[in-house]
Amino acid sequence: MPLGNLVRLIPLKLNEVPSHPSVSAYLNASTHKKHDSESDFSKTDLSSSDGTFQNLDPNGQPRLIPFIREILDEATSFVDNELPSTFTKKGTKSNPPATAKIELSQRMIGSEEISRIPFERANIPRKSSRAVQGYGEAWFARKSIHINKPETGTATWEEFDSGLRVQHSEHEREYTPDVFDSFKVLDWDTETDALGDELGDYIDVKMSIYEMSHKLPFPLLPRVFPVLIITSRTGTSSSIVVQIPINLRTLPESFYSSGKNQTHGDTSVKRKRPVLGVYTSIERCILRDSKETEWIMATASDAKGVLPMWAQKLGVPGAVVNDVGFFMKWTADNRARKQDK
């Protein structure tokens, strides 16, 4: 399967996500005409008979079901097919208290390859042709296999699912030391709860927008990564979490992207002016024969600001590995608290 046009580092615009009351209010405002007009499809586009725009509503926004399905299909294919066949292995690491070995790999996706993606002729079309010029993505991935037991250094399948899929962003803030806030901007809970079995093998689907805030060493400013996040079970023994960057600068409901945090933040770090970065990731968990959980994560990011990309590339593999140990410690602490009750 060729590379998709959605799980990329090019941020989604607000008219590139399904209808939502808050988003619709923004799109109907005059600011939208200046901010996002270049990504609008014309009435002629939307009325074409070749089927290209059948997954867009009359306003040119993607319909909910095909949008979610396309992102989950694209992400699943990338991890299950692209990662094993196109990533270069970069060794094995350990990260206590996790007992599993962590396999690292990486792949550079250059601007030439990304320019061949049919952004406007995809199942969910996007007008992003200008953004791909000179644009590339540095992807890093890890894979680890964990014994399915409630023991120190590992976790049960239920602990993986409840910790990584359910309330993913809040839990990421809890177990990652440098994440100081996970601000929920909005969600589509009402819409996704009503889907039933309309997404087939994708079950318990949730879609929301968060601003994930990270502390960096002095003198660097905090980084905030606005993301659209979709989580889903994919059967009784597998799950997927996808995060895609989104531009929220002019959305009133945003906190950090709009600058509200500088006057309404309840701590000094939350009131700092952040640098807005871009981040995309795919996390896939699969229970194998009820004995082991395979945990795969692939990510690409750009922290922006004065931090050069070469320095970022040096730091990402370590951060990717550390997350395994952070999650295992957090899981063990939660398990201990439950046992003490």
Protein backbone atom coordinates (compact mmCIF):
# COMPACT_ATOMS: atom_id res chain seq x y z
CA MET A 1 0.00 0.00 0.00
CA PRO A 2 1.47 3.41 -0.95
CA LEU A 3 1.98 6.14 1.63
CA GLY A 4 -1.23 7.86 2.70
CA ASN A 5 -2.03 11.57 2.82
CA LEU A 6 -3.41 11.77 6.37
CA VAL A 7 -0.91 10.28 8.84
CA ARG A 8 1.74 12.83 7.95
CA LEU A 9 3.59 15.70 9.65
CA ILE A 10 1.67 18.22 7.54
CA PRO A 11 -0.88 19.57 10.06
CA LEU A 12 -4.55 19.11 9.34
CA LYS A 13 -6.53 22.30 8.87
CA LEU A 14 -9.84 22.65 10.66
CA ASN A 15 -11.79 22.24 7.43
CA GLU A 16 -10.01 18.92 6.92
CA VAL A 17 -11.67 17.25 9.92
CA PRO A 18 -15.30 16.10 10.26
CA SER A 19 -18.02 18.51 11.29
CA HIS A 20 -18.11 19.58 14.95
CA PRO A 21 -20.09 22.46 16.52
CA SER A 22 -16.94 24.31 17.61
CA VAL A 23 -15.20 23.78 14.29
CA SER A 24 -18.29 24.78 12.32
CA ALA A 25 -18.55 28.03 14.27
CA TYR A 26 -14.94 28.81 13.37
CA LEU A 27 -15.37 27.89 9.71
CA ASN A 28 -18.38 30.17 9.43
CA ALA A 29 -16.43 33.10 10.86
CA SER A 30 -14.72 35.64 8.66
CA THR A 31 -11.25 34.65 9.95
CA HIS A 32 -11.56 31.33 8.17
CA LYS A 33 -11.75 32.99 4.76
CA LYS A 34 -8.22 34.27 5.13
CA HIS A 35 -6.74 31.45 7.17
CA ASP A 36 -7.88 28.29 5.40
CA SER A 37 -9.34 29.32 2.06
CA GLU A 38 -6.44 27.82 0.12
CA SER A 39 -7.45 24.34 1.37
CA ASP A 40 -11.13 24.67 0.37
CA PHE A 41 -12.50 22.59 -2.48
CA SER A 42 -14.70 24.52 -4.88
CA LYS A 43 -18.36 23.78 -5.56
CA THR A 44 -17.24 22.42 -8.91
CA ASP A 45 -14.83 20.04 -7.19
CA LEU A 46 -17.50 18.76 -4.80
CA SER A 47 -19.99 18.15 -7.60
CA SER A 48 -17.56 16.17 -9.80
CA SER A 49 -18.82 12.78 -10.89
CA ASP A 50 -15.57 10.79 -10.66
CA GLY A 51 -16.16 9.84 -7.01
CA THR A 52 -13.10 11.66 -5.65
CA PHE A 53 -15.13 13.86 -3.30
CA GLN A 54 -17.82 11.38 -2.28
CA ASN A 55 -16.37 11.24 1.25
CA LEU A 56 -16.74 15.00 1.74
CA ASP A 57 -19.92 16.67 2.95
CA PRO A 58 -21.52 19.64 1.11
CA ASN A 59 -19.23 22.01 3.04
CA GLY A 60 -16.14 20.18 1.85
CA GLN A 61 -15.34 18.58 5.20
CA PRO A 62 -14.72 14.83 5.43
CA ARG A 63 -17.59 12.63 6.57
CA LEU A 64 -16.95 11.03 9.96
CA ILE A 65 -16.99 7.31 9.12
CA PRO A 66 -14.77 7.35 5.99
CA PHE A 67 -12.40 9.80 7.72
CA ILE A 68 -11.89 7.56 10.75
CA ARG A 69 -11.68 4.40 8.66
CA GLU A 70 -9.13 5.90 6.27
CA ILE A 71 -6.86 7.06 9.09
CA LEU A 72 -7.03 3.73 10.93
CA ASP A 73 -6.49 1.74 7.71
CA GLU A 74 -3.56 3.94 6.73
CA ALA A 75 -1.94 3.71 10.17
CA THR A 76 -2.46 -0.05 10.46
CA SER A 77 -0.96 -0.67 7.03
CA PHE A 78 2.02 1.55 7.82
CA VAL A 79 2.88 -0.34 11.02
CA ASP A 80 1.98 -3.84 9.81
CA ASN A 81 3.44 -3.61 6.29
CA GLU A 82 5.67 -0.58 5.72
CA LEU A 83 7.55 -0.74 9.01
CA PRO A 84 8.82 -4.35 8.73
CA SER A 85 9.79 -4.00 5.07
CA THR A 86 11.14 -0.45 4.74
CA PHE A 87 12.58 0.57 8.13
CA THR A 88 16.27 0.02 8.93
CA LYS A 89 17.03 -1.77 12.18
CA LYS A 90 19.16 0.26 14.59
CA GLY A 91 19.86 -2.18 17.40
CA THR A 92 18.30 -3.34 20.63
CA LYS A 93 18.05 -1.42 23.92
CA SER A 94 16.93 -2.02 27.49
CA ASN A 95 15.02 0.37 29.70
CA PRO A 96 14.36 -0.76 33.28
CA PRO A 97 12.05 -1.48 34.95
CA ALA A 98 10.79 -2.95 31.66
CA THR A 99 12.20 -6.45 31.27
CA ALA A 100 11.60 -6.71 27.52
CA LYS A 101 14.26 -5.87 24.95
CA ILE A 102 13.36 -2.92 22.72
CA GLU A 103 14.13 -3.12 19.01
CA LEU A 104 14.78 0.24 17.33
CA SER A 105 14.43 1.10 13.65
CA GLN A 106 14.15 4.21 11.50
CA ARG A 107 13.24 5.45 8.05
CA MET A 108 13.71 8.74 6.25
CA ILE A 109 10.83 9.64 3.95
CA GLY A 110 12.08 12.35 1.63
CA SER A 111 10.21 15.16 -0.09
CA GLU A 112 10.35 13.40 -3.46
CA GLU A 113 8.50 10.38 -2.08
CA ILE A 114 5.95 12.51 -0.27
CA SER A 115 5.37 14.64 -3.38
CA ARG A 116 4.14 11.50 -5.15
CA ILE A 117 1.30 11.04 -2.64
CA PRO A 118 -1.99 11.91 -4.40
CA PHE A 119 -3.17 14.36 -1.75
CA GLU A 120 -6.11 15.69 -3.74
CA ARG A 121 -7.12 12.38 -5.34
CA ALA A 122 -7.12 10.26 -2.18
CA ASN A 123 -10.17 8.77 -0.45
CA ILE A 124 -10.07 11.78 1.89
CA PRO A 125 -8.68 14.55 -0.34
CA ARG A 126 -6.45 17.31 1.05
CA LYS A 127 -5.13 20.42 -0.66
CA SER A 128 -1.57 20.27 0.65
CA SER A 129 0.52 20.39 -2.52
CA ARG A 130 2.41 23.54 -1.51
CA ALA A 131 3.35 22.12 1.88
CA VAL A 132 5.22 19.12 0.49
CA GLN A 133 7.87 21.13 -1.35
CA GLY A 134 11.22 20.45 0.34
CA TYR A 135 9.45 18.56 3.09
CA GLY A 136 10.57 15.25 4.62
CA GLU A 137 9.86 13.08 7.64
CA ALA A 138 12.29 11.28 9.96
CA TRP A 139 10.45 8.25 11.36
CA PHE A 140 11.65 6.30 14.39
CA ALA A 141 10.06 3.09 15.61
CA ARG A 142 10.37 0.57 18.41
CA LYS A 143 9.03 -2.90 19.05
CA SER A 144 8.97 -4.80 22.32
CA ILE A 145 7.33 -8.06 23.39
CA HIS A 146 6.03 -8.31 26.96
CA ILE A 147 4.96 -11.33 28.98
CA ASN A 148 1.22 -11.20 29.66
CA LYS A 149 1.46 -11.22 33.45
CA PRO A 150 0.79 -8.72 36.28
CA GLU A 151 4.44 -8.64 37.34
CA THR A 152 7.10 -5.98 37.82
CA GLY A 153 8.65 -5.01 34.50
CA THR A 154 5.78 -6.26 32.38
CA ALA A 155 1.98 -5.95 32.17
CA THR A 156 -1.16 -7.85 31.33
CA TRP A 157 -3.06 -7.30 28.10
CA GLU A 158 -5.80 -5.56 30.09
CA GLU A 159 -3.23 -3.19 31.61
CA PHE A 160 -1.83 -2.38 28.17
CA ASP A 161 -5.28 -1.70 26.75
CA SER A 162 -6.55 0.39 29.65
CA GLY A 163 -3.28 2.32 29.90
CA LEU A 164 -2.49 3.02 26.25
CA ARG A 165 -5.82 3.04 24.42
CA VAL A 166 -8.30 4.26 27.05
CA GLN A 167 -7.75 7.92 27.98
CA HIS A 168 -4.47 7.78 26.08
CA SER A 169 -3.53 11.46 26.38
CA GLU A 170 -4.29 11.78 30.09
CA HIS A 171 -2.33 8.63 30.84
CA GLU A 172 0.59 9.80 28.71
CA ARG A 173 0.75 12.93 30.86
CA GLU A 174 0.74 10.78 34.01
CA TYR A 175 3.56 8.44 33.04
CA THR A 176 5.81 10.78 31.02
CA PRO A 177 7.84 13.09 33.31
CA ASP A 178 8.30 15.95 30.83
CA VAL A 179 4.60 16.17 29.84
CA PHE A 180 3.10 18.82 32.11
CA ASP A 181 -0.35 19.15 30.53
CA SER A 182 -2.77 17.31 28.27
CA PHE A 183 -5.41 19.88 27.42
CA LYS A 184 -8.53 18.48 25.78
CA VAL A 185 -9.76 20.95 23.17
CA LEU A 186 -12.81 19.00 21.94
CA ASP A 187 -14.06 15.52 21.14
CA TRP A 188 -16.51 13.65 18.95
CA ASP A 189 -17.76 11.32 21.73
CA THR A 190 -21.43 11.85 20.93
CA GLU A 191 -20.86 11.03 17.28
CA THR A 192 -18.54 8.03 17.79
CA ASP A 193 -20.70 6.52 20.56
CA ALA A 194 -23.57 6.39 18.07
CA LEU A 195 -21.61 4.54 15.37
CA GLY A 196 -22.36 1.02 16.59
CA ASP A 197 -20.75 -1.49 14.21
CA GLU A 198 -20.56 0.91 11.24
CA LEU A 199 -16.75 0.80 11.31
CA GLY A 200 -16.57 -2.99 11.10
CA ASP A 201 -13.51 -4.36 12.90
CA TYR A 202 -12.78 -0.98 14.50
CA ILE A 203 -14.51 -1.06 17.90
CA ASP A 204 -14.87 1.45 20.76
CA VAL A 205 -13.58 4.23 18.52
CA LYS A 206 -12.85 7.61 20.09
CA MET A 207 -11.72 10.81 18.35
CA SER A 208 -10.61 14.02 20.04
CA ILE A 209 -8.20 16.94 19.83
CA TYR A 210 -5.57 17.58 22.50
CA GLU A 211 -2.71 19.96 23.10
CA MET A 212 0.17 17.96 24.59
CA SER A 213 2.62 20.16 26.50
CA HIS A 214 6.26 19.21 27.12
CA LYS A 215 8.94 20.79 29.30
CA LEU A 216 12.39 21.20 27.71
CA PRO A 217 15.69 22.00 29.45
CA PHE A 218 16.46 25.69 30.08
CA PRO A 219 16.74 27.96 28.11
CA LEU A 220 14.40 26.27 25.62
CA LEU A 221 10.72 27.20 25.71
CA PRO A 222 8.02 24.56 26.34
CA ARG A 223 6.76 22.68 23.29
CA VAL A 224 3.08 22.15 22.62
CA PHE A 225 1.94 19.57 20.10
CA PRO A 226 -1.70 19.99 18.98
CA VAL A 227 -2.94 16.58 17.81
CA LEU A 228 -6.06 14.90 16.55
CA ILE A 229 -6.11 11.49 18.22
CA ILE A 230 -8.11 8.41 17.24
CA THR A 231 -8.14 5.28 19.40
CA SER A 232 -9.74 1.94 18.64
CA ARG A 233 -9.83 -1.71 19.51
CA THR A 234 -9.26 -3.88 16.47
CA GLY A 235 -10.81 -7.09 17.73
CA THR A 236 -10.61 -8.64 21.19
CA SER A 237 -6.82 -8.74 21.33
CA SER A 238 -5.43 -5.76 19.44
CA SER A 239 -5.68 -1.98 19.49
CA ILE A 240 -4.38 1.11 17.72
CA VAL A 241 -3.77 4.74 18.67
CA VAL A 242 -3.10 7.37 15.98
CA GLN A 243 -2.06 10.99 16.53
CA ILE A 244 -1.89 13.55 13.72
CA PRO A 245 -0.85 17.23 13.98
CA ILE A 246 -3.56 19.85 13.56
CA ASN A 247 -3.45 23.64 13.28
CA LEU A 248 -5.48 25.23 16.11
CA ARG A 249 -4.04 28.74 16.17
CA THR A 250 -7.34 30.50 15.51
CA LEU A 251 -9.71 28.07 17.23
CA PRO A 252 -11.14 29.80 20.34
CA GLU A 253 -11.43 26.48 22.21
CA SER A 254 -7.66 25.92 22.05
CA PHE A 255 -5.62 26.91 25.09
CA TYR A 256 -1.95 26.97 24.12
CA SER A 257 -2.28 27.42 20.35
CA SER A 258 -4.44 30.53 20.79
CA GLY A 259 -2.20 32.01 23.52
CA LYS A 260 -4.89 31.86 26.24
CA ASN A 261 -2.50 29.95 28.48
CA GLN A 262 -0.34 33.06 28.96
CA THR A 263 -3.12 34.76 30.94
CA HIS A 264 -5.20 31.80 32.15
CA GLY A 265 -2.59 29.17 33.00
CA ASP A 266 -2.79 28.02 36.63
CA THR A 267 0.96 27.41 37.02
CA SER A 268 4.04 29.32 35.91
CA VAL A 269 5.04 26.68 33.36
CA LYS A 270 1.55 26.67 31.85
CA ARG A 271 1.73 30.46 31.45
CA LYS A 272 4.95 30.39 29.44
CA ARG A 273 4.76 31.21 25.75
CA PRO A 274 5.13 27.85 24.02
CA VAL A 275 6.61 26.88 20.69
CA LEU A 276 4.07 24.93 18.64
CA GLY A 277 5.59 21.75 17.24
CA VAL A 278 4.22 18.99 15.01
CA TYR A 279 4.02 15.32 15.96
CA THR A 280 2.49 12.20 14.50
CA SER A 281 2.54 8.69 15.93
CA ILE A 282 1.03 5.24 15.62
CA GLU A 283 0.86 2.78 18.52
CA ARG A 284 -0.19 -0.79 17.94
CA CYS A 285 -0.67 -3.45 20.63
CA ILE A 286 -1.37 -7.09 19.77
CA LEU A 287 -1.87 -9.98 22.17
CA ARG A 288 -0.09 -13.05 20.75
CA ASP A 289 -1.53 -16.47 21.76
CA SER A 290 -2.67 -14.99 25.09
CA LYS A 291 0.96 -15.18 26.24
CA GLU A 292 2.71 -12.02 25.04
CA THR A 293 1.81 -8.46 24.08
CA GLU A 294 3.63 -6.98 21.12
CA TRP A 295 3.89 -3.21 21.49
CA ILE A 296 4.91 -1.24 18.40
CA MET A 297 5.25 2.52 18.15
CA ALA A 298 6.32 4.64 15.17
CA THR A 299 6.65 8.42 15.27
CA ALA A 300 7.85 11.47 13.35
CA SER A 301 8.08 14.96 14.79
CA ASP A 302 9.50 18.45 14.53
CA ALA A 303 9.82 20.44 17.75
CA LYS A 304 10.38 23.66 15.76
CA GLY A 305 11.96 26.71 17.37
CA VAL A 306 15.74 27.03 17.55
CA LEU A 307 16.29 23.30 18.12
CA PRO A 308 17.91 22.05 14.88
CA MET A 309 16.57 18.90 13.28
CA TRP A 310 19.93 17.11 13.52
CA ALA A 311 19.82 17.54 17.31
CA GLN A 312 16.22 16.37 17.44
CA LYS A 313 17.10 13.23 15.49
CA LEU A 314 19.78 12.41 18.06
CA GLY A 315 17.32 12.73 20.96
CA VAL A 316 14.24 10.95 19.60
CA PRO A 317 15.48 7.34 19.82
CA GLY A 318 16.29 7.72 23.50
CA ALA A 319 12.90 9.29 24.23
CA VAL A 320 11.15 6.50 22.31
CA VAL A 321 12.95 3.86 24.42
CA ASN A 322 12.34 5.68 27.71
CA ASP A 323 8.59 5.59 27.21
CA VAL A 324 8.61 1.80 27.67
CA GLY A 325 10.20 2.05 31.11
CA PHE A 326 7.99 4.99 32.07
CA PHE A 327 4.84 3.04 31.19
CA MET A 328 5.93 -0.07 33.07
CA LYS A 329 6.72 1.91 36.22
CA TRP A 330 3.39 3.74 36.02
CA THR A 331 1.56 0.44 35.51
CA ALA A 332 3.31 -1.19 38.47
CA ASP A 333 2.50 1.81 40.70
CA ASN A 334 -1.18 1.67 39.70
CA ARG A 335 -1.27 -2.08 40.30
CA ALA A 336 0.24 -1.62 43.77
CA ARG A 337 -2.28 1.07 44.68
CA LYS A 338 -5.18 -1.20 43.70
CA GLN A 339 -3.75 -4.04 45.79
CA ASP A 340 -3.43 -1.77 48.82
CA LYS A 341 -7.11 -0.87 48.74
